[in-house]
């Protein structure tokens, strides 16, 4: 058995409708995934299954999600080792310790395209920093820039399929997969 982390891009189904995590767990069980568990109500699913290619798991989960909830949502999957590596690669450990909600990573389905960071640099606000690690983009958001332009700049259209999680969530998911 292998443990995987699945990150949903969005759990908003429409005005006033959100995915309930217990329903997400039932969906996972319906796919034969073992021991599905969620972390906070923001679309973080951890499960066990026979070792499977991530490229096969992502569309399988997306299809089941659309069938169950009536809406397509991009889902990014990492195996436990990949998630531990992502967490260990945090380039902002001091900032994360001081304020885990100010450090986030955009977890990418495919590595961030070359040159993207340079293009995103124009969107950095005062005190903000950004670094690519292992194909994902880590960002330290400064409290000096409460409405960061980076949020819009790291969109699917510019970077491809990915979803962001703050350090608190990354760390807790790492704990769930046995970091």
Protein backbone atom coordinates (compact mmCIF):
# COMPACT_ATOMS: atom_id res chain seq x y z
CA UNK A 1 0.00 0.00 0.00
CA UNK A 2 1.08 3.51 -0.78
CA UNK A 3 -0.18 6.75 0.81
CA UNK A 4 -1.15 9.69 -1.39
CA UNK A 5 -2.16 13.32 -0.88
CA UNK A 6 -4.82 14.76 -3.20
CA UNK A 7 -5.38 18.52 -3.33
CA UNK A 8 -8.58 19.86 -4.82
CA UNK A 9 -8.30 23.18 -6.62
CA UNK A 10 -11.69 24.30 -5.36
CA UNK A 11 -14.44 22.90 -3.20
CA UNK A 12 -16.99 25.54 -4.13
CA UNK A 13 -19.73 23.93 -6.20
CA UNK A 14 -21.77 27.04 -6.79
CA UNK A 15 -23.27 29.90 -4.86
CA UNK A 16 -23.72 28.76 -1.28
CA UNK A 17 -22.63 25.15 -2.03
CA UNK A 18 -19.37 23.63 -0.84
CA UNK A 19 -18.06 20.09 -0.82
CA UNK A 20 -18.56 18.49 2.56
CA UNK A 21 -15.43 16.56 3.52
CA UNK A 22 -17.41 13.52 4.69
CA UNK A 23 -18.90 13.30 1.17
CA UNK A 24 -15.41 13.51 -0.31
CA UNK A 25 -14.35 10.59 1.88
CA UNK A 26 -17.37 8.56 0.72
CA UNK A 27 -16.42 9.32 -2.90
CA UNK A 28 -12.88 8.06 -2.24
CA UNK A 29 -14.18 4.90 -0.60
CA UNK A 30 -16.40 4.33 -3.65
CA UNK A 31 -13.22 4.28 -5.76
CA UNK A 32 -11.80 1.56 -3.51
CA UNK A 33 -9.31 3.90 -1.85
CA UNK A 34 -8.44 2.84 1.68
CA UNK A 35 -8.44 4.88 4.86
CA UNK A 36 -9.51 8.19 3.28
CA UNK A 37 -9.07 11.13 5.62
CA UNK A 38 -9.32 14.86 5.18
CA UNK A 39 -7.61 17.86 6.69
CA UNK A 40 -9.64 20.99 7.33
CA UNK A 41 -12.57 21.75 5.07
CA UNK A 42 -10.52 23.00 2.12
CA UNK A 43 -10.12 19.97 -0.12
CA UNK A 44 -7.18 18.02 1.26
CA UNK A 45 -7.57 14.24 0.97
CA UNK A 46 -5.10 11.61 2.15
CA UNK A 47 -5.68 7.97 1.23
CA UNK A 48 -3.97 4.62 0.78
CA UNK A 49 -4.10 2.36 -2.26
CA UNK A 50 -1.93 0.00 -4.23
CA UNK A 51 0.99 1.84 -5.79
CA UNK A 52 -0.50 3.64 -8.78
CA UNK A 53 0.88 6.16 -11.26
CA UNK A 54 -0.10 9.68 -10.28
CA UNK A 55 -1.00 10.36 -13.91
CA UNK A 56 -3.67 7.65 -13.54
CA UNK A 57 -4.93 8.75 -10.11
CA UNK A 58 -5.56 12.40 -10.98
CA UNK A 59 -8.05 11.84 -13.83
CA UNK A 60 -9.69 8.99 -11.90
CA UNK A 61 -10.31 11.29 -8.93
CA UNK A 62 -11.43 14.17 -11.17
CA UNK A 63 -13.92 11.95 -13.01
CA UNK A 64 -15.32 10.62 -9.74
CA UNK A 65 -15.55 14.13 -8.34
CA UNK A 66 -17.47 15.40 -11.36
CA UNK A 67 -19.80 12.39 -11.27
CA UNK A 68 -20.39 12.81 -7.52
CA UNK A 69 -20.59 16.60 -7.22
CA UNK A 70 -21.62 17.68 -10.73
CA UNK A 71 -18.65 19.92 -11.40
CA UNK A 72 -15.12 19.42 -12.71
CA UNK A 73 -12.34 20.32 -10.27
CA UNK A 74 -8.63 19.94 -10.95
CA UNK A 75 -6.98 17.61 -8.46
CA UNK A 76 -3.22 17.45 -7.91
CA UNK A 77 -1.84 14.25 -6.36
CA UNK A 78 1.51 13.51 -4.72
CA UNK A 79 2.67 10.29 -3.16
CA UNK A 80 3.81 10.35 0.48
CA UNK A 81 7.50 10.56 -0.40
CA UNK A 82 6.82 13.39 -2.83
CA UNK A 83 4.82 15.26 -0.19
CA UNK A 84 7.56 14.85 2.40
CA UNK A 85 10.09 16.14 -0.15
CA UNK A 86 7.85 19.13 -0.91
CA UNK A 87 7.57 19.97 2.81
CA UNK A 88 11.30 19.52 3.39
CA UNK A 89 12.03 21.85 0.46
CA UNK A 90 10.37 24.87 2.06
CA UNK A 91 12.81 27.72 1.29
CA UNK A 92 11.29 29.95 4.00
CA UNK A 93 11.67 27.95 7.23
CA UNK A 94 12.22 30.93 9.54
CA UNK A 95 9.21 32.78 8.14
CA UNK A 96 7.13 29.58 8.31
CA UNK A 97 7.92 29.12 11.96
CA UNK A 98 6.99 32.71 12.76
CA UNK A 99 3.82 32.89 10.63
CA UNK A 100 2.83 29.70 8.79
CA UNK A 101 -0.14 31.40 7.16
CA UNK A 102 2.18 33.84 5.33
CA UNK A 103 4.10 31.10 3.53
CA UNK A 104 2.36 29.20 0.75
CA UNK A 105 3.28 26.81 -2.00
CA UNK A 106 1.58 26.48 -5.35
CA UNK A 107 1.69 22.72 -5.87
CA UNK A 108 1.90 22.13 -9.60
CA UNK A 109 0.71 19.16 -11.62
CA UNK A 110 3.64 19.68 -14.00
CA UNK A 111 6.76 21.65 -13.05
CA UNK A 112 6.32 25.39 -13.36
CA UNK A 113 7.38 26.53 -16.84
CA UNK A 114 10.89 27.93 -17.20
CA UNK A 115 10.96 31.69 -17.03
CA UNK A 116 7.70 31.92 -15.07
CA UNK A 117 9.35 33.18 -11.91
CA UNK A 118 11.05 35.99 -13.74
CA UNK A 119 7.71 37.03 -15.27
CA UNK A 120 5.99 36.79 -11.87
CA UNK A 121 8.62 39.03 -10.30
CA UNK A 122 6.74 42.10 -11.50
CA UNK A 123 3.82 41.07 -9.27
CA UNK A 124 5.89 40.86 -6.07
CA UNK A 125 4.81 43.39 -3.48
CA UNK A 126 6.97 45.01 -0.79
CA UNK A 127 8.51 42.35 1.45
CA UNK A 128 7.25 39.43 -0.66
CA UNK A 129 9.59 36.71 -1.85
CA UNK A 130 9.21 33.78 -4.19
CA UNK A 131 11.26 30.71 -5.09
CA UNK A 132 10.75 27.64 -7.27
CA UNK A 133 11.64 24.35 -5.61
CA UNK A 134 11.12 21.02 -7.35
CA UNK A 135 8.80 22.56 -9.93
CA UNK A 136 6.50 24.18 -7.33
CA UNK A 137 6.40 27.85 -6.37
CA UNK A 138 6.91 28.89 -2.76
CA UNK A 139 5.82 32.38 -1.74
CA UNK A 140 6.33 34.43 1.38
CA UNK A 141 3.47 36.91 1.57
CA UNK A 142 4.23 40.07 3.48
CA UNK A 143 1.68 41.62 5.79
CA UNK A 144 2.80 44.90 4.16
CA UNK A 145 0.92 43.77 1.03
CA UNK A 146 -2.51 42.62 2.25
CA UNK A 147 -3.90 42.25 -1.30
CA UNK A 148 -1.00 40.62 -3.09
CA UNK A 149 -1.00 40.77 -6.88
CA UNK A 150 0.72 37.37 -6.86
CA UNK A 151 -2.57 35.62 -6.14
CA UNK A 152 -3.92 36.59 -9.56
CA UNK A 153 -0.54 36.14 -11.25
CA UNK A 154 -0.19 32.46 -10.30
CA UNK A 155 -3.34 31.44 -12.15
CA UNK A 156 -3.93 28.28 -14.20
CA UNK A 157 -3.79 30.34 -17.40
CA UNK A 158 -0.26 31.52 -16.69
CA UNK A 159 1.28 28.52 -14.96
CA UNK A 160 -0.85 25.46 -15.66
CA UNK A 161 -2.78 23.26 -13.24
CA UNK A 162 -1.86 23.77 -9.62
CA UNK A 163 -3.31 24.72 -6.27
CA UNK A 164 -1.97 26.62 -3.29
CA UNK A 165 -1.68 25.59 0.35
CA UNK A 166 -0.20 27.52 3.25
CA UNK A 167 2.63 26.15 5.37
CA UNK A 168 0.31 25.15 8.23
CA UNK A 169 -1.59 22.84 5.87
CA UNK A 170 1.58 21.52 4.19
CA UNK A 171 3.08 20.63 7.58
CA UNK A 172 -0.07 18.96 8.86
CA UNK A 173 -0.41 16.90 5.67
CA UNK A 174 3.24 15.88 6.05
CA UNK A 175 2.42 14.70 9.57
CA UNK A 176 -0.51 12.70 8.18
CA UNK A 177 1.71 10.87 5.67
CA UNK A 178 4.39 10.15 8.24
CA UNK A 179 6.98 12.89 7.91
